[in-house]
């Protein structure tokens, strides 16, 4: 038996978090969660006008098909960042760029 192995049963959520931490995949996992939950975070109106969404170097790039919606989002970048941080935690992304 390995010395680091726990003897008692661990809840699946805790085991999953430990696995992500061990393989240093926490950030990657949180980024995938953000991309998957974009529609829930921003609502149907913005999600329907989002044509592309990706993360590179801790920056979230969002391609918006509607000019007025894009302009409104650019004016409210800090609100979008706050929404992401309140739902998923800080440190996942550092900046949002609307294309």
PDB file of N, CA and C in Angstrom:
ATOM      1  N   UNK A   1       0.843  -1.172   0.000  1.00  0.00           N
ATOM      2  CA  UNK A   1       0.000   0.000   0.000  1.00  0.00           C
ATOM      3  C   UNK A   1       0.890   1.238   0.000  1.00  0.00           C
ATOM      4  N   UNK A   2       0.557   2.214  -0.846  1.00  0.00           N
ATOM      5  CA  UNK A   2       1.362   3.425  -0.930  1.00  0.00           C
ATOM      6  C   UNK A   2       1.114   4.313   0.283  1.00  0.00           C
ATOM      7  N   UNK A   3       2.119   5.045   0.728  1.00  0.00           N
ATOM      8  CA  UNK A   3       1.988   5.854   1.935  1.00  0.00           C
ATOM      9  C   UNK A   3       1.010   7.030   1.779  1.00  0.00           C
ATOM     10  N   UNK A   4       0.792   7.531   0.561  1.00  0.00           N
ATOM     11  CA  UNK A   4      -0.088   8.676   0.353  1.00  0.00           C
ATOM     12  C   UNK A   4      -1.551   8.275   0.191  1.00  0.00           C
ATOM     13  N   UNK A   5      -1.814   7.023   0.108  1.00  0.00           N
ATOM     14  CA  UNK A   5      -3.171   6.550  -0.137  1.00  0.00           C
ATOM     15  C   UNK A   5      -4.021   6.687   1.120  1.00  0.00           C
ATOM     16  N   UNK A   6      -5.227   7.195   0.944  1.00  0.00           N
ATOM     17  CA  UNK A   6      -6.141   7.360   2.065  1.00  0.00           C
ATOM     18  C   UNK A   6      -6.842   6.046   2.346  1.00  0.00           C
ATOM     19  N   UNK A   7      -7.065   5.757   3.634  1.00  0.00           N
ATOM     20  CA  UNK A   7      -7.694   4.502   4.013  1.00  0.00           C
ATOM     21  C   UNK A   7      -9.216   4.593   3.992  1.00  0.00           C
ATOM     22  N   UNK A   8      -9.758   5.798   4.241  1.00  0.00           N
ATOM     23  CA  UNK A   8     -11.207   5.932   4.284  1.00  0.00           C
ATOM     24  C   UNK A   8     -11.758   6.290   2.896  1.00  0.00           C
ATOM     25  N   UNK A   9     -13.044   6.090   2.725  1.00  0.00           N
ATOM     26  CA  UNK A   9     -13.696   6.416   1.461  1.00  0.00           C
ATOM     27  C   UNK A   9     -13.748   7.937   1.296  1.00  0.00           C
ATOM     28  N   UNK A  10     -13.567   8.387   0.063  1.00  0.00           N
ATOM     29  CA  UNK A  10     -13.585   9.804  -0.249  1.00  0.00           C
ATOM     30  C   UNK A  10     -14.761  10.080  -1.181  1.00  0.00           C
ATOM     31  N   UNK A  11     -15.505  11.169  -0.925  1.00  0.00           N
ATOM     32  CA  UNK A  11     -16.584  11.518  -1.862  1.00  0.00           C
ATOM     33  C   UNK A  11     -16.015  11.740  -3.264  1.00  0.00           C
ATOM     34  N   UNK A  12     -16.808  11.394  -4.267  1.00  0.00           N
ATOM     35  CA  UNK A  12     -16.355  11.474  -5.649  1.00  0.00           C
ATOM     36  C   UNK A  12     -15.916  12.889  -6.027  1.00  0.00           C
ATOM     37  N   UNK A  13     -16.642  13.913  -5.582  1.00  0.00           N
ATOM     38  CA  UNK A  13     -16.274  15.297  -5.909  1.00  0.00           C
ATOM     39  C   UNK A  13     -14.884  15.632  -5.371  1.00  0.00           C
ATOM     40  N   UNK A  14     -14.594  15.198  -4.137  1.00  0.00           N
ATOM     41  CA  UNK A  14     -13.275  15.457  -3.554  1.00  0.00           C
ATOM     42  C   UNK A  14     -12.185  14.690  -4.294  1.00  0.00           C
ATOM     43  N   UNK A  15     -12.484  13.453  -4.665  1.00  0.00           N
ATOM     44  CA  UNK A  15     -11.515  12.646  -5.395  1.00  0.00           C
ATOM     45  C   UNK A  15     -11.212  13.282  -6.756  1.00  0.00           C
ATOM     46  N   UNK A  16     -12.251  13.812  -7.404  1.00  0.00           N
ATOM     47  CA  UNK A  16     -12.070  14.461  -8.702  1.00  0.00           C
ATOM     48  C   UNK A  16     -11.200  15.706  -8.564  1.00  0.00           C
ATOM     49  N   UNK A  17     -11.444  16.521  -7.532  1.00  0.00           N
ATOM     50  CA  UNK A  17     -10.634  17.716  -7.288  1.00  0.00           C
ATOM     51  C   UNK A  17      -9.176  17.344  -7.009  1.00  0.00           C
ATOM     52  N   UNK A  18      -8.973  16.281  -6.224  1.00  0.00           N
ATOM     53  CA  UNK A  18      -7.611  15.821  -5.941  1.00  0.00           C
ATOM     54  C   UNK A  18      -6.907  15.365  -7.213  1.00  0.00           C
ATOM     55  N   UNK A  19      -7.647  14.685  -8.086  1.00  0.00           N
ATOM     56  CA  UNK A  19      -7.089  14.217  -9.354  1.00  0.00           C
ATOM     57  C   UNK A  19      -6.668  15.401 -10.228  1.00  0.00           C
ATOM     58  N   UNK A  20      -7.534  16.406 -10.342  1.00  0.00           N
ATOM     59  CA  UNK A  20      -7.191  17.596 -11.129  1.00  0.00           C
ATOM     60  C   UNK A  20      -5.963  18.301 -10.563  1.00  0.00           C
ATOM     61  N   UNK A  21      -5.901  18.379  -9.236  1.00  0.00           N
ATOM     62  CA  UNK A  21      -4.766  19.038  -8.590  1.00  0.00           C
ATOM     63  C   UNK A  21      -3.473  18.254  -8.821  1.00  0.00           C
ATOM     64  N   UNK A  22      -3.546  16.944  -8.693  1.00  0.00           N
ATOM     65  CA  UNK A  22      -2.374  16.095  -8.870  1.00  0.00           C
ATOM     66  C   UNK A  22      -1.782  16.241 -10.271  1.00  0.00           C
ATOM     67  N   UNK A  23      -2.655  16.277 -11.285  1.00  0.00           N
ATOM     68  CA  UNK A  23      -2.179  16.363 -12.664  1.00  0.00           C
ATOM     69  C   UNK A  23      -2.131  17.801 -13.194  1.00  0.00           C
ATOM     70  N   UNK A  24      -2.319  18.766 -12.280  1.00  0.00           N
ATOM     71  CA  UNK A  24      -2.260  20.196 -12.621  1.00  0.00           C
ATOM     72  C   UNK A  24      -3.186  20.550 -13.782  1.00  0.00           C
ATOM     73  N   UNK A  25      -4.409  20.073 -13.688  1.00  0.00           N
ATOM     74  CA  UNK A  25      -5.403  20.317 -14.723  1.00  0.00           C
ATOM     75  C   UNK A  25      -6.541  21.220 -14.242  1.00  0.00           C
ATOM     76  N   UNK A  26      -6.384  21.817 -13.068  1.00  0.00           N
ATOM     77  CA  UNK A  26      -7.460  22.633 -12.493  1.00  0.00           C
ATOM     78  C   UNK A  26      -7.836  23.796 -13.408  1.00  0.00           C
ATOM     79  N   UNK A  27      -6.850  24.535 -13.904  1.00  0.00           N
ATOM     80  CA  UNK A  27      -7.128  25.688 -14.756  1.00  0.00           C
ATOM     81  C   UNK A  27      -7.792  25.272 -16.062  1.00  0.00           C
ATOM     82  N   UNK A  28      -7.276  24.222 -16.670  1.00  0.00           N
ATOM     83  CA  UNK A  28      -7.840  23.737 -17.926  1.00  0.00           C
ATOM     84  C   UNK A  28      -9.285  23.306 -17.728  1.00  0.00           C
ATOM     85  N   UNK A  29      -9.559  22.618 -16.642  1.00  0.00           N
ATOM     86  CA  UNK A  29     -10.919  22.176 -16.345  1.00  0.00           C
ATOM     87  C   UNK A  29     -11.843  23.381 -16.154  1.00  0.00           C
ATOM     88  N   UNK A  30     -11.399  24.385 -15.393  1.00  0.00           N
ATOM     89  CA  UNK A  30     -12.223  25.568 -15.155  1.00  0.00           C
ATOM     90  C   UNK A  30     -12.487  26.332 -16.462  1.00  0.00           C
ATOM     91  N   UNK A  31     -11.501  26.365 -17.352  1.00  0.00           N
ATOM     92  CA  UNK A  31     -11.696  27.012 -18.649  1.00  0.00           C
ATOM     93  C   UNK A  31     -12.773  26.287 -19.454  1.00  0.00           C
ATOM     94  N   UNK A  32     -12.746  24.960 -19.444  1.00  0.00           N
ATOM     95  CA  UNK A  32     -13.755  24.173 -20.166  1.00  0.00           C
ATOM     96  C   UNK A  32     -15.141  24.383 -19.570  1.00  0.00           C
ATOM     97  N   UNK A  33     -15.210  24.481 -18.248  1.00  0.00           N
ATOM     98  CA  UNK A  33     -16.491  24.747 -17.581  1.00  0.00           C
ATOM     99  C   UNK A  33     -17.024  26.108 -18.005  1.00  0.00           C
ATOM    100  N   UNK A  34     -16.149  27.104 -18.065  1.00  0.00           N
ATOM    101  CA  UNK A  34     -16.552  28.441 -18.497  1.00  0.00           C
ATOM    102  C   UNK A  34     -17.118  28.413 -19.912  1.00  0.00           C
ATOM    103  N   UNK A  35     -16.412  27.779 -20.831  1.00  0.00           N
ATOM    104  CA  UNK A  35     -16.876  27.714 -22.218  1.00  0.00           C
ATOM    105  C   UNK A  35     -18.215  26.986 -22.326  1.00  0.00           C
ATOM    106  N   UNK A  36     -18.365  25.906 -21.568  1.00  0.00           N
ATOM    107  CA  UNK A  36     -19.595  25.118 -21.620  1.00  0.00           C
ATOM    108  C   UNK A  36     -20.779  25.858 -20.996  1.00  0.00           C
ATOM    109  N   UNK A  37     -20.521  26.715 -20.031  1.00  0.00           N
ATOM    110  CA  UNK A  37     -21.613  27.390 -19.340  1.00  0.00           C
ATOM    111  C   UNK A  37     -21.816  28.835 -19.802  1.00  0.00           C
ATOM    112  N   UNK A  38     -21.188  29.238 -20.904  1.00  0.00           N
ATOM    113  CA  UNK A  38     -21.296  30.608 -21.398  1.00  0.00           C
ATOM    114  C   UNK A  38     -22.757  31.034 -21.569  1.00  0.00           C
ATOM    115  N   UNK A  39     -23.564  30.183 -22.184  1.00  0.00           N
ATOM    116  CA  UNK A  39     -24.968  30.509 -22.420  1.00  0.00           C
ATOM    117  C   UNK A  39     -25.740  30.756 -21.136  1.00  0.00           C
ATOM    118  N   UNK A  40     -25.458  29.960 -20.121  1.00  0.00           N
ATOM    119  CA  UNK A  40     -26.122  30.134 -18.829  1.00  0.00           C
ATOM    120  C   UNK A  40     -25.648  31.406 -18.132  1.00  0.00           C
ATOM    121  N   UNK A  41     -24.387  31.737 -18.290  1.00  0.00           N
ATOM    122  CA  UNK A  41     -23.829  32.922 -17.636  1.00  0.00           C
ATOM    123  C   UNK A  41     -24.384  34.225 -18.207  1.00  0.00           C
ATOM    124  N   UNK A  42     -24.440  34.323 -19.524  1.00  0.00           N
ATOM    125  CA  UNK A  42     -24.791  35.597 -20.152  1.00  0.00           C
ATOM    126  C   UNK A  42     -26.231  35.673 -20.631  1.00  0.00           C
ATOM    127  N   UNK A  43     -26.921  34.569 -20.677  1.00  0.00           N
ATOM    128  CA  UNK A  43     -28.312  34.571 -21.121  1.00  0.00           C
ATOM    129  C   UNK A  43     -28.466  34.245 -22.594  1.00  0.00           C
ATOM    130  N   UNK A  44     -29.701  33.961 -22.961  1.00  0.00           N
ATOM    131  CA  UNK A  44     -30.019  33.498 -24.312  1.00  0.00           C
ATOM    132  C   UNK A  44     -29.716  34.538 -25.389  1.00  0.00           C
ATOM    133  N   UNK A  45     -30.021  35.807 -25.133  1.00  0.00           N
ATOM    134  CA  UNK A  45     -29.830  36.853 -26.141  1.00  0.00           C
ATOM    135  C   UNK A  45     -28.374  36.943 -26.577  1.00  0.00           C
ATOM    136  N   UNK A  46     -27.473  37.011 -25.623  1.00  0.00           N
ATOM    137  CA  UNK A  46     -26.048  37.114 -25.947  1.00  0.00           C
ATOM    138  C   UNK A  46     -25.526  35.785 -26.483  1.00  0.00           C
ATOM    139  N   UNK A  47     -25.947  34.683 -25.889  1.00  0.00           N
ATOM    140  CA  UNK A  47     -25.486  33.361 -26.336  1.00  0.00           C
ATOM    141  C   UNK A  47     -25.868  33.106 -27.793  1.00  0.00           C
ATOM    142  N   UNK A  48     -27.075  33.532 -28.189  1.00  0.00           N
ATOM    143  CA  UNK A  48     -27.519  33.342 -29.575  1.00  0.00           C
ATOM    144  C   UNK A  48     -26.696  34.154 -30.561  1.00  0.00           C
ATOM    145  N   UNK A  49     -26.100  35.236 -30.092  1.00  0.00           N
ATOM    146  CA  UNK A  49     -25.294  36.092 -30.968  1.00  0.00           C
ATOM    147  C   UNK A  49     -23.798  35.835 -30.837  1.00  0.00           C
ATOM    148  N   UNK A  50     -23.440  34.828 -30.057  1.00  0.00           N
ATOM    149  CA  UNK A  50     -22.039  34.431 -29.918  1.00  0.00           C
ATOM    150  C   UNK A  50     -21.742  33.374 -30.971  1.00  0.00           C
ATOM    151  N   UNK A  51     -20.810  33.682 -31.882  1.00  0.00           N
ATOM    152  CA  UNK A  51     -20.492  32.748 -32.950  1.00  0.00           C
ATOM    153  C   UNK A  51     -19.222  31.944 -32.685  1.00  0.00           C
ATOM    154  N   UNK A  52     -18.348  32.468 -31.836  1.00  0.00           N
ATOM    155  CA  UNK A  52     -17.121  31.747 -31.509  1.00  0.00           C
ATOM    156  C   UNK A  52     -16.677  32.173 -30.115  1.00  0.00           C
ATOM    157  N   UNK A  53     -16.091  31.225 -29.398  1.00  0.00           N
ATOM    158  CA  UNK A  53     -15.705  31.463 -28.014  1.00  0.00           C
ATOM    159  C   UNK A  53     -14.498  30.590 -27.708  1.00  0.00           C
ATOM    160  N   UNK A  54     -13.396  31.217 -27.289  1.00  0.00           N
ATOM    161  CA  UNK A  54     -12.219  30.428 -26.919  1.00  0.00           C
ATOM    162  C   UNK A  54     -11.361  31.195 -25.918  1.00  0.00           C
ATOM    163  N   UNK A  55     -10.475  30.452 -25.262  1.00  0.00           N
ATOM    164  CA  UNK A  55      -9.576  31.036 -24.264  1.00  0.00           C
ATOM    165  C   UNK A  55      -8.142  30.780 -24.704  1.00  0.00           C
ATOM    166  N   UNK A  56      -7.334  31.834 -24.648  1.00  0.00           N
ATOM    167  CA  UNK A  56      -5.909  31.708 -24.961  1.00  0.00           C
ATOM    168  C   UNK A  56      -5.153  32.643 -24.032  1.00  0.00           C
ATOM    169  N   UNK A  57      -4.155  32.132 -23.369  1.00  0.00           N
ATOM    170  CA  UNK A  57      -3.316  32.909 -22.451  1.00  0.00           C
ATOM    171  C   UNK A  57      -4.147  33.673 -21.416  1.00  0.00           C
ATOM    172  N   UNK A  58      -5.110  32.987 -20.826  1.00  0.00           N
ATOM    173  CA  UNK A  58      -5.982  33.553 -19.779  1.00  0.00           C
ATOM    174  C   UNK A  58      -6.841  34.715 -20.278  1.00  0.00           C
ATOM    175  N   UNK A  59      -7.044  34.797 -21.593  1.00  0.00           N
ATOM    176  CA  UNK A  59      -7.922  35.806 -22.182  1.00  0.00           C
ATOM    177  C   UNK A  59      -9.086  35.091 -22.857  1.00  0.00           C
ATOM    178  N   UNK A  60     -10.301  35.544 -22.562  1.00  0.00           N
ATOM    179  CA  UNK A  60     -11.498  34.982 -23.175  1.00  0.00           C
ATOM    180  C   UNK A  60     -11.840  35.800 -24.409  1.00  0.00           C
ATOM    181  N   UNK A  61     -11.830  35.154 -25.570  1.00  0.00           N
ATOM    182  CA  UNK A  61     -12.167  35.805 -26.828  1.00  0.00           C
ATOM    183  C   UNK A  61     -13.593  35.405 -27.197  1.00  0.00           C
ATOM    184  N   UNK A  62     -14.435  36.410 -27.449  1.00  0.00           N
ATOM    185  CA  UNK A  62     -15.845  36.175 -27.745  1.00  0.00           C
ATOM    186  C   UNK A  62     -16.181  36.869 -29.058  1.00  0.00           C
ATOM    187  N   UNK A  63     -16.564  36.091 -30.063  1.00  0.00           N
ATOM    188  CA  UNK A  63     -16.967  36.641 -31.366  1.00  0.00           C
ATOM    189  C   UNK A  63     -18.478  36.834 -31.330  1.00  0.00           C
ATOM    190  N   UNK A  64     -18.905  38.091 -31.503  1.00  0.00           N
ATOM    191  CA  UNK A  64     -20.313  38.450 -31.444  1.00  0.00           C
ATOM    192  C   UNK A  64     -20.782  38.848 -32.850  1.00  0.00           C
ATOM    193  N   UNK A  65     -21.929  38.330 -33.275  1.00  0.00           N
ATOM    194  CA  UNK A  65     -22.422  38.595 -34.630  1.00  0.00           C
ATOM    195  C   UNK A  65     -23.245  39.874 -34.732  1.00  0.00           C
ATOM    196  N   UNK A  66     -23.614  40.466 -33.614  1.00  0.00           N
ATOM    197  CA  UNK A  66     -24.441  41.666 -33.612  1.00  0.00           C
ATOM    198  C   UNK A  66     -23.623  42.870 -33.129  1.00  0.00           C
ATOM    199  N   UNK A  67     -23.563  43.907 -33.958  1.00  0.00           N
ATOM    200  CA  UNK A  67     -22.812  45.108 -33.600  1.00  0.00           C
ATOM    201  C   UNK A  67     -23.304  45.784 -32.323  1.00  0.00           C
ATOM    202  N   UNK A  68     -24.607  46.013 -32.179  1.00  0.00           N
ATOM    203  CA  UNK A  68     -25.100  46.655 -30.959  1.00  0.00           C
ATOM    204  C   UNK A  68     -24.834  45.837 -29.691  1.00  0.00           C
ATOM    205  N   UNK A  69     -24.981  44.530 -29.779  1.00  0.00           N
ATOM    206  CA  UNK A  69     -24.715  43.667 -28.619  1.00  0.00           C
ATOM    207  C   UNK A  69     -23.232  43.697 -28.278  1.00  0.00           C
ATOM    208  N   UNK A  70     -22.385  43.666 -29.294  1.00  0.00           N
ATOM    209  CA  UNK A  70     -20.938  43.734 -29.086  1.00  0.00           C
ATOM    210  C   UNK A  70     -20.555  45.040 -28.392  1.00  0.00           C
ATOM    211  N   UNK A  71     -21.128  46.162 -28.851  1.00  0.00           N
ATOM    212  CA  UNK A  71     -20.830  47.466 -28.264  1.00  0.00           C
ATOM    213  C   UNK A  71     -21.280  47.513 -26.803  1.00  0.00           C
ATOM    214  N   UNK A  72     -22.449  46.987 -26.525  1.00  0.00           N
ATOM    215  CA  UNK A  72     -22.966  46.961 -25.154  1.00  0.00           C
ATOM    216  C   UNK A  72     -22.064  46.117 -24.252  1.00  0.00           C
ATOM    217  N   UNK A  73     -21.605  44.982 -24.750  1.00  0.00           N
ATOM    218  CA  UNK A  73     -20.709  44.122 -23.971  1.00  0.00           C
ATOM    219  C   UNK A  73     -19.363  44.797 -23.724  1.00  0.00           C
ATOM    220  N   UNK A  74     -18.853  45.496 -24.731  1.00  0.00           N
ATOM    221  CA  UNK A  74     -17.577  46.199 -24.556  1.00  0.00           C
ATOM    222  C   UNK A  74     -17.686  47.269 -23.474  1.00  0.00           C
ATOM    223  N   UNK A  75     -18.828  47.924 -23.408  1.00  0.00           N
ATOM    224  CA  UNK A  75     -19.038  48.943 -22.381  1.00  0.00           C
ATOM    225  C   UNK A  75     -19.200  48.332 -20.991  1.00  0.00           C
ATOM    226  N   UNK A  76     -19.565  47.059 -20.948  1.00  0.00           N
ATOM    227  CA  UNK A  76     -19.820  46.386 -19.669  1.00  0.00           C
ATOM    228  C   UNK A  76     -18.857  45.225 -19.410  1.00  0.00           C
ATOM    229  N   UNK A  77     -17.618  45.360 -19.873  1.00  0.00           N
ATOM    230  CA  UNK A  77     -16.615  44.291 -19.683  1.00  0.00           C
ATOM    231  C   UNK A  77     -16.434  43.930 -18.216  1.00  0.00           C
ATOM    232  N   UNK A  78     -16.386  44.943 -17.361  1.00  0.00           N
ATOM    233  CA  UNK A  78     -16.160  44.673 -15.942  1.00  0.00           C
ATOM    234  C   UNK A  78     -17.313  43.870 -15.344  1.00  0.00           C
ATOM    235  N   UNK A  79     -18.528  44.115 -15.799  1.00  0.00           N
ATOM    236  CA  UNK A  79     -19.677  43.343 -15.311  1.00  0.00           C
ATOM    237  C   UNK A  79     -19.583  41.887 -15.768  1.00  0.00           C
ATOM    238  N   UNK A  80     -19.144  41.686 -17.003  1.00  0.00           N
ATOM    239  CA  UNK A  80     -18.977  40.323 -17.515  1.00  0.00           C
ATOM    240  C   UNK A  80     -17.904  39.596 -16.717  1.00  0.00           C
ATOM    241  N   UNK A  81     -16.790  40.265 -16.460  1.00  0.00           N
ATOM    242  CA  UNK A  81     -15.709  39.667 -15.655  1.00  0.00           C
ATOM    243  C   UNK A  81     -16.214  39.326 -14.256  1.00  0.00           C
ATOM    244  N   UNK A  82     -16.949  40.242 -13.652  1.00  0.00           N
ATOM    245  CA  UNK A  82     -17.479  40.011 -12.307  1.00  0.00           C
ATOM    246  C   UNK A  82     -18.443  38.825 -12.308  1.00  0.00           C
ATOM    247  N   UNK A  83     -19.268  38.716 -13.334  1.00  0.00           N
ATOM    248  CA  UNK A  83     -20.207  37.603 -13.456  1.00  0.00           C
ATOM    249  C   UNK A  83     -19.460  36.271 -13.533  1.00  0.00           C
ATOM    250  N   UNK A  84     -18.423  36.226 -14.342  1.00  0.00           N
ATOM    251  CA  UNK A  84     -17.624  35.002 -14.484  1.00  0.00           C
ATOM    252  C   UNK A  84     -16.956  34.646 -13.160  1.00  0.00           C
ATOM    253  N   UNK A  85     -16.354  35.634 -12.516  1.00  0.00           N
ATOM    254  CA  UNK A  85     -15.655  35.386 -11.253  1.00  0.00           C
ATOM    255  C   UNK A  85     -16.611  34.978 -10.141  1.00  0.00           C
ATOM    256  N   UNK A  86     -17.804  35.546 -10.125  1.00  0.00           N
ATOM    257  CA  UNK A  86     -18.750  35.183  -9.069  1.00  0.00           C
ATOM    258  C   UNK A  86     -19.290  33.765  -9.261  1.00  0.00           C
ATOM    259  N   UNK A  87     -19.402  33.317 -10.508  1.00  0.00           N
ATOM    260  CA  UNK A  87     -19.938  31.986 -10.780  1.00  0.00           C
ATOM    261  C   UNK A  87     -18.868  30.895 -10.746  1.00  0.00           C
ATOM    262  N   UNK A  88     -17.673  31.212 -11.236  1.00  0.00           N
ATOM    263  CA  UNK A  88     -16.647  30.171 -11.409  1.00  0.00           C
ATOM    264  C   UNK A  88     -15.377  30.402 -10.598  1.00  0.00           C
ATOM    265  N   UNK A  89     -15.230  31.554  -9.971  1.00  0.00           N
ATOM    266  CA  UNK A  89     -14.036  31.835  -9.189  1.00  0.00           C
ATOM    267  C   UNK A  89     -13.072  32.735  -9.942  1.00  0.00           C
ATOM    268  N   UNK A  90     -12.131  33.289  -9.198  1.00  0.00           N
ATOM    269  CA  UNK A  90     -11.165  34.211  -9.787  1.00  0.00           C
ATOM    270  C   UNK A  90      -9.978  33.457 -10.369  1.00  0.00           C
ATOM    271  N   UNK A  91      -9.278  34.108 -11.283  1.00  0.00           N
ATOM    272  CA  UNK A  91      -8.049  33.544 -11.831  1.00  0.00           C
ATOM    273  C   UNK A  91      -8.218  32.686 -13.066  1.00  0.00           C
ATOM    274  N   UNK A  92      -9.455  32.411 -13.468  1.00  0.00           N
ATOM    275  CA  UNK A  92      -9.659  31.584 -14.660  1.00  0.00           C
ATOM    276  C   UNK A  92      -9.255  32.370 -15.899  1.00  0.00           C
ATOM    277  N   UNK A  93      -9.744  33.601 -15.982  1.00  0.00           N
ATOM    278  CA  UNK A  93      -9.342  34.489 -17.073  1.00  0.00           C
ATOM    279  C   UNK A  93      -8.986  35.847 -16.493  1.00  0.00           C
ATOM    280  N   UNK A  94      -8.175  36.577 -17.221  1.00  0.00           N
ATOM    281  CA  UNK A  94      -7.750  37.907 -16.773  1.00  0.00           C
ATOM    282  C   UNK A  94      -8.383  39.027 -17.584  1.00  0.00           C
ATOM    283  N   UNK A  95      -8.890  38.681 -18.785  1.00  0.00           N
ATOM    284  CA  UNK A  95      -9.435  39.703 -19.659  1.00  0.00           C
ATOM    285  C   UNK A  95     -10.460  39.075 -20.598  1.00  0.00           C
ATOM    286  N   UNK A  96     -11.454  39.877 -20.985  1.00  0.00           N
ATOM    287  CA  UNK A  96     -12.453  39.464 -21.972  1.00  0.00           C
ATOM    288  C   UNK A  96     -12.275  40.368 -23.174  1.00  0.00           C
ATOM    289  N   UNK A  97     -12.188  39.753 -24.357  1.00  0.00           N
ATOM    290  CA  UNK A  97     -12.030  40.518 -25.606  1.00  0.00           C
ATOM    291  C   UNK A  97     -13.176  40.155 -26.522  1.00  0.00           C
ATOM    292  N   UNK A  98     -13.936  41.163 -26.923  1.00  0.00           N
ATOM    293  CA  UNK A  98     -15.075  40.946 -27.819  1.00  0.00           C
ATOM    294  C   UNK A  98     -14.642  41.250 -29.243  1.00  0.00           C
ATOM    295  N   UNK A  99     -14.868  40.294 -30.124  1.00  0.00           N
ATOM    296  CA  UNK A  99     -14.470  40.413 -31.524  1.00  0.00           C
ATOM    297  C   UNK A  99     -15.679  40.619 -32.414  1.00  0.00           C
TER     298      UNK A  99
END
